[in-house]
Amino acid sequence: MSRVVFFIMLFSCFQVSAQRRFEIWNKNQLSNKINERVLIKVAQKVQYHTNNSNLEVAYGEAFVAGRPKNWLEYGLGFRLAKSQPLENVWITENRTMFYADLSKSLKNYKLSFSNRIEYRSFKKLEHHFRYRQSLKLQFPKLVSWGMQFYTSEESYTRLNGGGTNLLRVYGGVDAYTCKTFKVSAYYGLQKAKLVEHWIASDILGLNLAFSI
């Protein structure tokens, strides 16, 4: 929890050098459990920049994951992404990812720590490795059908000497959860580093997860 507080304080201390952005995100995911230890996950996500009404990011991804223990999940995946940093300028990214997630239940709370190594390749930009870490705390369920609040933070660090260039803090709610479906909504604060300047964004997001 102390890490979450630290990142919230860090966000408040940054100097914003550009107009604050407002974004809307939506992610839809489908999971298929092959057996007790192996599952396949596919997802698609879109990110809209409302200041200019542009679709800024769209991607599809797929993972093969293993769960040898209740507290451990690891997997290998691939993402194909399209991003539009400037109007009518699209960049294609191919991203190979390996992740390992650890979780621990503490009475009615759940703490999760995620790690992911990414290899990002572009047609005209520099290829690089990146490390993503995330810490998430889920609070006790409020009702029998699974409504619960959570808070999380994540950071991204380029491993070619570029340093940490992306930070996010979230507060959200898993509004409904059952065996085959979950819907989550959240608000996020983002700081992205672009050419030595930190750009601030507010995010509203909606996630839908299906299991078959």
Protein backbone atom coordinates (compact mmCIF):
# COMPACT_ATOMS: atom_id res chain seq x y z
CA MET A 1 0.00 0.00 0.00
CA SER A 2 2.93 2.32 0.70
CA ARG A 3 3.99 2.03 -2.96
CA VAL A 4 0.55 3.21 -4.08
CA VAL A 5 0.74 6.24 -1.78
CA PHE A 6 4.26 6.96 -3.06
CA PHE A 7 3.18 6.98 -6.69
CA ILE A 8 0.16 9.19 -5.92
CA MET A 9 2.51 11.70 -4.30
CA LEU A 10 4.90 11.39 -7.24
CA PHE A 11 2.13 12.22 -9.69
CA SER A 12 1.12 15.32 -7.75
CA CYS A 13 4.71 16.62 -7.80
CA PHE A 14 5.31 16.42 -11.55
CA GLN A 15 5.25 19.62 -13.55
CA VAL A 16 2.85 19.43 -16.51
CA SER A 17 4.29 21.09 -19.60
CA ALA A 18 1.39 20.58 -22.00
CA GLN A 19 -2.38 20.68 -22.07
CA ARG A 20 -3.98 18.04 -19.87
CA ARG A 21 -5.48 15.20 -21.88
CA PHE A 22 -8.65 13.22 -21.32
CA GLU A 23 -8.89 9.66 -22.64
CA ILE A 24 -11.51 6.91 -22.76
CA TRP A 25 -10.35 3.28 -22.81
CA ASN A 26 -12.21 0.04 -23.45
CA LYS A 27 -10.80 -3.49 -23.23
CA ASN A 28 -12.64 -6.75 -23.97
CA GLN A 29 -11.06 -10.09 -23.06
CA LEU A 30 -12.00 -13.73 -23.63
CA SER A 31 -10.41 -16.56 -21.63
CA ASN A 32 -10.62 -20.29 -22.31
CA LYS A 33 -9.42 -22.75 -19.68
CA ILE A 34 -7.76 -25.70 -21.43
CA ASN A 35 -7.26 -27.64 -18.21
CA GLU A 36 -6.65 -26.94 -14.52
CA ARG A 37 -3.26 -25.36 -15.20
CA VAL A 38 -3.35 -23.91 -18.74
CA LEU A 39 -5.54 -21.20 -20.26
CA ILE A 40 -5.65 -19.06 -23.39
CA LYS A 41 -6.51 -15.35 -23.30
CA VAL A 42 -7.29 -13.06 -26.25
CA ALA A 43 -8.17 -9.38 -25.97
CA GLN A 44 -8.71 -6.20 -27.92
CA LYS A 45 -8.45 -2.63 -26.66
CA VAL A 46 -9.13 0.88 -27.98
CA GLN A 47 -8.07 4.23 -26.52
CA TYR A 48 -9.78 7.48 -27.54
CA HIS A 49 -8.32 10.94 -27.09
CA THR A 50 -11.40 13.10 -26.48
CA ASN A 51 -9.64 16.47 -26.92
CA ASN A 52 -9.56 15.91 -30.67
CA SER A 53 -12.04 12.97 -30.89
CA ASN A 54 -9.35 10.67 -32.32
CA LEU A 55 -8.83 6.95 -31.94
CA GLU A 56 -5.31 7.02 -30.55
CA VAL A 57 -4.48 3.35 -29.87
CA ALA A 58 -6.02 0.04 -30.99
CA TYR A 59 -4.54 -3.40 -30.41
CA GLY A 60 -5.23 -7.10 -30.32
CA GLU A 61 -3.28 -9.59 -28.24
CA ALA A 62 -3.17 -13.27 -27.31
CA PHE A 63 -1.56 -15.13 -24.38
CA VAL A 64 -0.93 -18.71 -23.40
CA ALA A 65 -0.78 -18.84 -19.62
CA GLY A 66 0.02 -21.39 -16.94
CA ARG A 67 -1.21 -21.55 -13.33
CA PRO A 68 0.86 -24.16 -11.51
CA LYS A 69 -0.17 -22.65 -8.16
CA ASN A 70 -3.11 -20.54 -6.97
CA TRP A 71 -0.70 -17.70 -6.21
CA LEU A 72 1.28 -17.83 -9.48
CA GLU A 73 0.38 -17.23 -13.12
CA TYR A 74 2.89 -16.85 -15.96
CA GLY A 75 2.56 -16.69 -19.71
CA LEU A 76 3.84 -15.74 -23.14
CA GLY A 77 1.96 -13.46 -25.50
CA PHE A 78 2.00 -11.29 -28.62
CA ARG A 79 0.36 -7.95 -29.35
CA LEU A 80 -0.24 -6.16 -32.66
CA ALA A 81 -0.90 -2.48 -32.02
CA LYS A 82 -1.70 0.60 -34.07
CA SER A 83 -1.10 4.02 -32.53
CA GLN A 84 -1.68 7.54 -33.83
CA PRO A 85 0.64 10.02 -32.02
CA LEU A 86 -0.17 12.67 -34.64
CA GLU A 87 -3.34 13.05 -36.66
CA ASN A 88 -3.29 10.74 -39.72
CA VAL A 89 0.14 9.35 -38.74
CA TRP A 90 -0.16 5.68 -37.77
CA ILE A 91 2.59 3.56 -36.20
CA THR A 92 2.50 -0.24 -36.17
CA GLU A 93 4.03 -2.10 -33.24
CA ASN A 94 4.74 -5.80 -32.81
CA ARG A 95 5.18 -6.69 -29.14
CA THR A 96 6.31 -10.01 -27.69
CA MET A 97 5.65 -10.35 -23.94
CA PHE A 98 6.49 -12.65 -21.07
CA TYR A 99 4.83 -12.09 -17.69
CA ALA A 100 4.71 -13.55 -14.20
CA ASP A 101 2.00 -12.54 -11.70
CA LEU A 102 2.09 -13.24 -7.97
CA SER A 103 -0.91 -12.88 -5.66
CA LYS A 104 -1.63 -13.22 -1.96
CA SER A 105 -4.95 -13.16 -0.09
CA LEU A 106 -4.90 -11.34 3.25
CA LYS A 107 -8.21 -12.09 4.98
CA ASN A 108 -10.74 -10.37 2.69
CA TYR A 109 -8.11 -8.39 0.76
CA LYS A 110 -6.06 -9.51 -2.23
CA LEU A 111 -2.64 -8.18 -3.17
CA SER A 112 -1.23 -8.82 -6.67
CA PHE A 113 2.23 -8.07 -8.03
CA SER A 114 2.73 -8.28 -11.81
CA ASN A 115 5.94 -8.32 -13.85
CA ARG A 116 6.23 -8.26 -17.63
CA ILE A 117 9.15 -8.11 -20.06
CA GLU A 118 8.30 -6.75 -23.51
CA TYR A 119 10.19 -6.65 -26.79
CA ARG A 120 8.74 -3.84 -28.91
CA SER A 121 9.55 -3.69 -32.61
CA PHE A 122 8.59 -0.97 -35.11
CA LYS A 123 9.08 -0.40 -38.81
CA LYS A 124 10.74 3.01 -38.53
CA LEU A 125 11.41 3.44 -34.80
CA GLU A 126 14.03 1.93 -32.51
CA HIS A 127 13.34 -1.58 -31.26
CA HIS A 128 13.73 -1.99 -27.52
CA PHE A 129 13.01 -4.08 -24.44
CA ARG A 130 10.75 -2.68 -21.75
CA TYR A 131 9.86 -3.77 -18.22
CA ARG A 132 6.37 -3.27 -16.83
CA GLN A 133 5.50 -3.76 -13.15
CA SER A 134 2.19 -3.33 -11.37
CA LEU A 135 0.91 -3.56 -7.80
CA LYS A 136 -2.83 -4.00 -7.18
CA LEU A 137 -4.87 -4.10 -3.97
CA GLN A 138 -8.44 -5.42 -4.05
CA PHE A 139 -10.69 -4.53 -1.12
CA PRO A 140 -13.32 -6.82 0.46
CA LYS A 141 -16.42 -7.62 -1.56
CA LEU A 142 -19.41 -5.43 -0.76
CA VAL A 143 -22.15 -7.78 -1.96
CA SER A 144 -22.55 -11.48 -2.67
CA TRP A 145 -22.36 -11.00 -6.46
CA GLY A 146 -18.84 -9.67 -6.28
CA MET A 147 -18.82 -5.88 -6.27
CA GLN A 148 -15.49 -4.65 -4.87
CA PHE A 149 -13.18 -1.65 -5.14
CA TYR A 150 -9.50 -1.75 -6.02
CA THR A 151 -6.50 0.53 -6.41
CA SER A 152 -3.35 -0.08 -8.44
CA GLU A 153 -0.22 1.48 -9.85
CA GLU A 154 2.02 0.57 -12.77
CA SER A 155 5.23 1.80 -14.33
CA TYR A 156 7.09 1.13 -17.60
CA THR A 157 10.88 1.30 -17.92
CA ARG A 158 12.85 1.08 -21.15
CA LEU A 159 15.82 -1.27 -20.74
CA ASN A 160 18.01 0.36 -23.39
CA GLY A 161 18.89 3.32 -21.17
CA GLY A 162 15.68 5.27 -21.72
CA GLY A 163 14.59 4.93 -18.09
CA THR A 164 11.06 5.06 -16.72
CA ASN A 165 8.81 6.90 -19.16
CA LEU A 166 5.26 5.95 -18.22
CA LEU A 167 3.46 5.94 -14.84
CA ARG A 168 -0.17 5.28 -13.97
CA VAL A 169 -2.32 5.17 -10.82
CA TYR A 170 -5.84 3.71 -10.89
CA GLY A 171 -8.89 3.57 -8.70
CA GLY A 172 -11.72 1.32 -9.85
CA VAL A 173 -14.54 -1.06 -9.10
CA ASP A 174 -15.29 -4.59 -10.21
CA ALA A 175 -18.99 -3.87 -10.60
CA TYR A 176 -20.15 -7.42 -11.27
CA THR A 177 -18.40 -10.78 -11.19
CA CYS A 178 -19.63 -14.29 -11.93
CA LYS A 179 -18.06 -17.50 -13.22
CA THR A 180 -18.22 -16.47 -16.89
CA PHE A 181 -18.32 -12.65 -16.87
CA LYS A 182 -16.80 -9.63 -15.14
CA VAL A 183 -17.28 -5.91 -15.73
CA SER A 184 -14.91 -3.31 -14.28
CA ALA A 185 -14.81 0.49 -14.47
CA TYR A 186 -11.97 2.73 -13.37
CA TYR A 187 -10.43 6.19 -13.29
CA GLY A 188 -6.72 6.63 -13.92
CA LEU A 189 -4.02 9.28 -13.71
CA GLN A 190 -1.22 8.95 -16.26
CA LYS A 191 2.16 10.61 -16.73
CA ALA A 192 3.97 9.94 -20.03
CA LYS A 193 7.44 11.25 -20.81
CA LEU A 194 7.86 12.69 -24.30
CA VAL A 195 11.17 14.36 -25.22
CA GLU A 196 12.07 15.28 -21.64
CA HIS A 197 8.57 16.59 -20.86
CA TRP A 198 5.91 14.82 -18.77
CA ILE A 199 2.40 14.85 -20.25
CA ALA A 200 -0.54 14.36 -17.88
CA SER A 201 -3.72 12.50 -18.79
CA ASP A 202 -6.99 11.60 -17.10
CA ILE A 203 -8.46 8.23 -18.06
CA LEU A 204 -11.91 6.71 -17.82
CA GLY A 205 -11.97 3.01 -18.61
CA LEU A 206 -14.31 0.05 -18.96
CA ASN A 207 -13.16 -3.59 -19.05
CA LEU A 208 -15.30 -6.59 -19.99
CA ALA A 209 -13.94 -10.11 -19.36
CA PHE A 210 -15.60 -13.32 -20.56
CA SER A 211 -14.67 -16.91 -19.70
CA ILE A 212 -15.67 -20.04 -21.59
